[in-house]
């Protein structure tokens, strides 16, 4: 921390010791990116998605599912307290289901990229307005996530009016 400012380090998990590169300075906080993980958290795991790290569709796959749920619950409670000025009297256990194929709603982008001479369908790249070049999505319902090539072919066949 610099002068008591919090630094959010992309790619780092709570309790980890890392070396990082400072990428942005703000008046109240800073941002950085992990260069090396010196001491990994016990909750760190290998991300199963081949697009993890590039695609911005999800950002916690390098964390165990139990830790993801706990972190999301902690963030929700912090946001309720900070912005809503409320603290729940009772906190129920989190609702969870399948680790993969759970997402039923998503905003996929579609763009023809002239430099790549290719139509891209997917999520935005991490911290970018570019679309990630993906052919599958493990978090989307498999009826969509596993059929991105079919959706690509269907959109490619559309004609302009």
Protein backbone atom coordinates (compact mmCIF):
# COMPACT_ATOMS: atom_id res chain seq x y z
CA UNK A 1 0.00 0.00 0.00
CA UNK A 2 1.12 3.49 -0.86
CA UNK A 3 0.17 6.13 1.73
CA UNK A 4 -2.55 3.83 3.08
CA UNK A 5 -4.16 3.37 -0.35
CA UNK A 6 -5.55 0.00 -1.31
CA UNK A 7 -4.09 -1.59 -4.42
CA UNK A 8 -6.29 -4.01 -6.37
CA UNK A 9 -4.03 -6.59 -8.02
CA UNK A 10 -5.59 -8.42 -10.96
CA UNK A 11 -4.82 -12.15 -10.82
CA UNK A 12 -4.03 -12.18 -7.09
CA UNK A 13 -6.19 -13.87 -4.49
CA UNK A 14 -6.74 -12.78 -0.88
CA UNK A 15 -3.84 -13.80 1.43
CA UNK A 16 -1.39 -14.37 -1.46
CA UNK A 17 2.06 -12.85 -1.52
CA UNK A 18 2.87 -11.63 -5.02
CA UNK A 19 5.08 -9.35 -7.00
CA UNK A 20 3.07 -7.05 -9.20
CA UNK A 21 3.29 -4.22 -11.68
CA UNK A 22 1.44 -1.01 -10.85
CA UNK A 23 -0.78 -0.22 -13.84
CA UNK A 24 -2.99 2.70 -12.73
CA UNK A 25 -2.97 5.28 -9.98
CA UNK A 26 -6.20 6.78 -8.71
CA UNK A 27 -6.83 9.28 -5.95
CA UNK A 28 -8.26 6.69 -3.55
CA UNK A 29 -6.81 3.38 -4.81
CA UNK A 30 -4.33 1.88 -7.25
CA UNK A 31 -4.49 -1.00 -9.72
CA UNK A 32 -1.89 -3.58 -10.60
CA UNK A 33 -1.29 -6.90 -12.35
CA UNK A 34 0.41 -9.99 -10.94
CA UNK A 35 3.91 -10.67 -12.21
CA UNK A 36 4.74 -13.63 -9.96
CA UNK A 37 2.97 -15.54 -7.20
CA UNK A 38 5.41 -15.96 -4.32
CA UNK A 39 3.06 -17.72 -1.90
CA UNK A 40 -0.21 -19.01 -3.40
CA UNK A 41 -3.44 -19.00 -1.42
CA UNK A 42 -4.83 -22.36 -0.33
CA UNK A 43 -7.91 -21.48 -2.39
CA UNK A 44 -5.95 -21.17 -5.66
CA UNK A 45 -6.71 -23.77 -8.32
CA UNK A 46 -6.04 -24.26 -12.01
CA UNK A 47 -8.68 -22.63 -14.22
CA UNK A 48 -10.39 -25.22 -16.44
CA UNK A 49 -11.39 -22.76 -19.14
CA UNK A 50 -8.89 -22.51 -22.01
CA UNK A 51 -9.85 -18.83 -22.41
CA UNK A 52 -9.32 -17.82 -18.77
CA UNK A 53 -7.07 -14.80 -18.43
CA UNK A 54 -8.02 -13.40 -21.84
CA UNK A 55 -11.81 -13.55 -21.82
CA UNK A 56 -13.49 -11.19 -19.37
CA UNK A 57 -16.61 -13.33 -18.97
CA UNK A 58 -15.48 -14.61 -15.59
CA UNK A 59 -12.57 -13.69 -13.38
CA UNK A 60 -12.47 -16.12 -10.46
CA UNK A 61 -11.85 -19.50 -12.05
CA UNK A 62 -8.41 -19.64 -10.43
CA UNK A 63 -10.23 -19.86 -7.06
CA UNK A 64 -12.02 -22.93 -5.67
CA UNK A 65 -15.80 -22.85 -5.99
CA UNK A 66 -16.32 -22.68 -2.21
CA UNK A 67 -13.94 -19.72 -2.00
CA UNK A 68 -15.68 -17.99 -4.93
CA UNK A 69 -19.06 -18.26 -3.21
CA UNK A 70 -17.61 -17.00 0.08
CA UNK A 71 -15.88 -14.06 -1.64
CA UNK A 72 -19.04 -13.10 -3.54
CA UNK A 73 -21.09 -13.22 -0.33
CA UNK A 74 -18.50 -11.06 1.46
CA UNK A 75 -18.51 -8.53 -1.38
CA UNK A 76 -22.32 -8.41 -1.38
CA UNK A 77 -22.44 -7.76 2.37
CA UNK A 78 -19.76 -5.05 2.07
CA UNK A 79 -21.67 -3.35 -0.75
CA UNK A 80 -24.94 -3.47 1.20
CA UNK A 81 -23.22 -1.86 4.18
CA UNK A 82 -21.21 0.71 2.23
CA UNK A 83 -23.77 1.86 -0.34
CA UNK A 84 -27.09 0.77 1.15
CA UNK A 85 -26.17 1.48 4.77
CA UNK A 86 -27.84 -1.78 5.80
CA UNK A 87 -26.62 -4.88 7.57
CA UNK A 88 -28.77 -8.01 7.32
CA UNK A 89 -30.03 -9.39 10.63
CA UNK A 90 -29.81 -12.94 9.30
CA UNK A 91 -27.54 -14.32 6.62
CA UNK A 92 -28.81 -17.50 5.00
CA UNK A 93 -26.45 -20.06 3.52
CA UNK A 94 -25.59 -19.25 -0.11
CA UNK A 95 -27.51 -20.99 -2.86
CA UNK A 96 -25.26 -22.85 -5.26
CA UNK A 97 -25.61 -25.41 -8.00
CA UNK A 98 -23.38 -26.67 -10.77
CA UNK A 99 -19.89 -25.23 -11.10
CA UNK A 100 -20.18 -25.27 -14.91
CA UNK A 101 -23.01 -24.48 -17.30
CA UNK A 102 -24.96 -22.49 -14.74
CA UNK A 103 -25.24 -19.16 -16.52
CA UNK A 104 -28.55 -18.75 -18.35
CA UNK A 105 -28.20 -15.07 -19.23
CA UNK A 106 -25.26 -13.34 -20.88
CA UNK A 107 -24.47 -10.47 -23.18
CA UNK A 108 -22.37 -11.86 -26.00
CA UNK A 109 -20.76 -9.50 -28.45
CA UNK A 110 -20.69 -10.03 -32.22
CA UNK A 111 -18.17 -8.21 -34.36
CA UNK A 112 -16.39 -8.74 -37.67
CA UNK A 113 -12.71 -7.92 -37.19
CA UNK A 114 -11.15 -6.83 -40.49
CA UNK A 115 -7.56 -7.29 -39.28
CA UNK A 116 -8.29 -10.92 -38.40
CA UNK A 117 -10.69 -11.33 -41.33
CA UNK A 118 -12.95 -13.14 -38.90
CA UNK A 119 -16.33 -12.86 -37.21
CA UNK A 120 -15.98 -13.03 -33.43
CA UNK A 121 -18.75 -14.01 -31.02
CA UNK A 122 -18.11 -13.94 -27.30
CA UNK A 123 -17.39 -11.84 -24.27
CA UNK A 124 -15.18 -8.79 -24.14
CA UNK A 125 -11.53 -9.39 -23.39
CA UNK A 126 -10.46 -8.70 -19.83
CA UNK A 127 -10.20 -4.91 -19.28
CA UNK A 128 -10.78 -4.21 -22.98
CA UNK A 129 -13.44 -3.34 -25.54
CA UNK A 130 -12.15 -6.06 -27.91
CA UNK A 131 -14.00 -9.34 -28.23
CA UNK A 132 -12.22 -12.47 -27.06
CA UNK A 133 -11.73 -15.09 -29.77
CA UNK A 134 -13.47 -18.03 -28.07
CA UNK A 135 -15.13 -21.17 -29.39
CA UNK A 136 -16.66 -22.46 -26.17
CA UNK A 137 -17.79 -21.13 -22.81
CA UNK A 138 -17.89 -23.45 -19.82
CA UNK A 139 -19.98 -21.18 -17.59
CA UNK A 140 -22.82 -20.72 -20.09
CA UNK A 141 -25.57 -23.29 -20.33
CA UNK A 142 -24.09 -25.95 -22.67
CA UNK A 143 -26.95 -25.39 -25.13
CA UNK A 144 -25.25 -22.06 -25.86
CA UNK A 145 -21.71 -22.33 -24.48
CA UNK A 146 -20.85 -25.45 -26.46
CA UNK A 147 -22.55 -24.22 -29.62
CA UNK A 148 -20.67 -20.98 -30.23
CA UNK A 149 -19.28 -22.35 -33.54
CA UNK A 150 -22.86 -23.09 -34.68
CA UNK A 151 -23.96 -19.59 -33.68
CA UNK A 152 -20.93 -18.21 -35.53
CA UNK A 153 -21.93 -20.11 -38.70
CA UNK A 154 -25.55 -18.95 -38.43
CA UNK A 155 -24.57 -15.27 -38.02
CA UNK A 156 -22.02 -15.55 -40.85
CA UNK A 157 -24.79 -16.60 -43.22
CA UNK A 158 -26.93 -13.52 -42.51
CA UNK A 159 -27.16 -10.96 -45.29
CA UNK A 160 -27.03 -7.19 -44.89
CA UNK A 161 -30.08 -5.13 -45.75
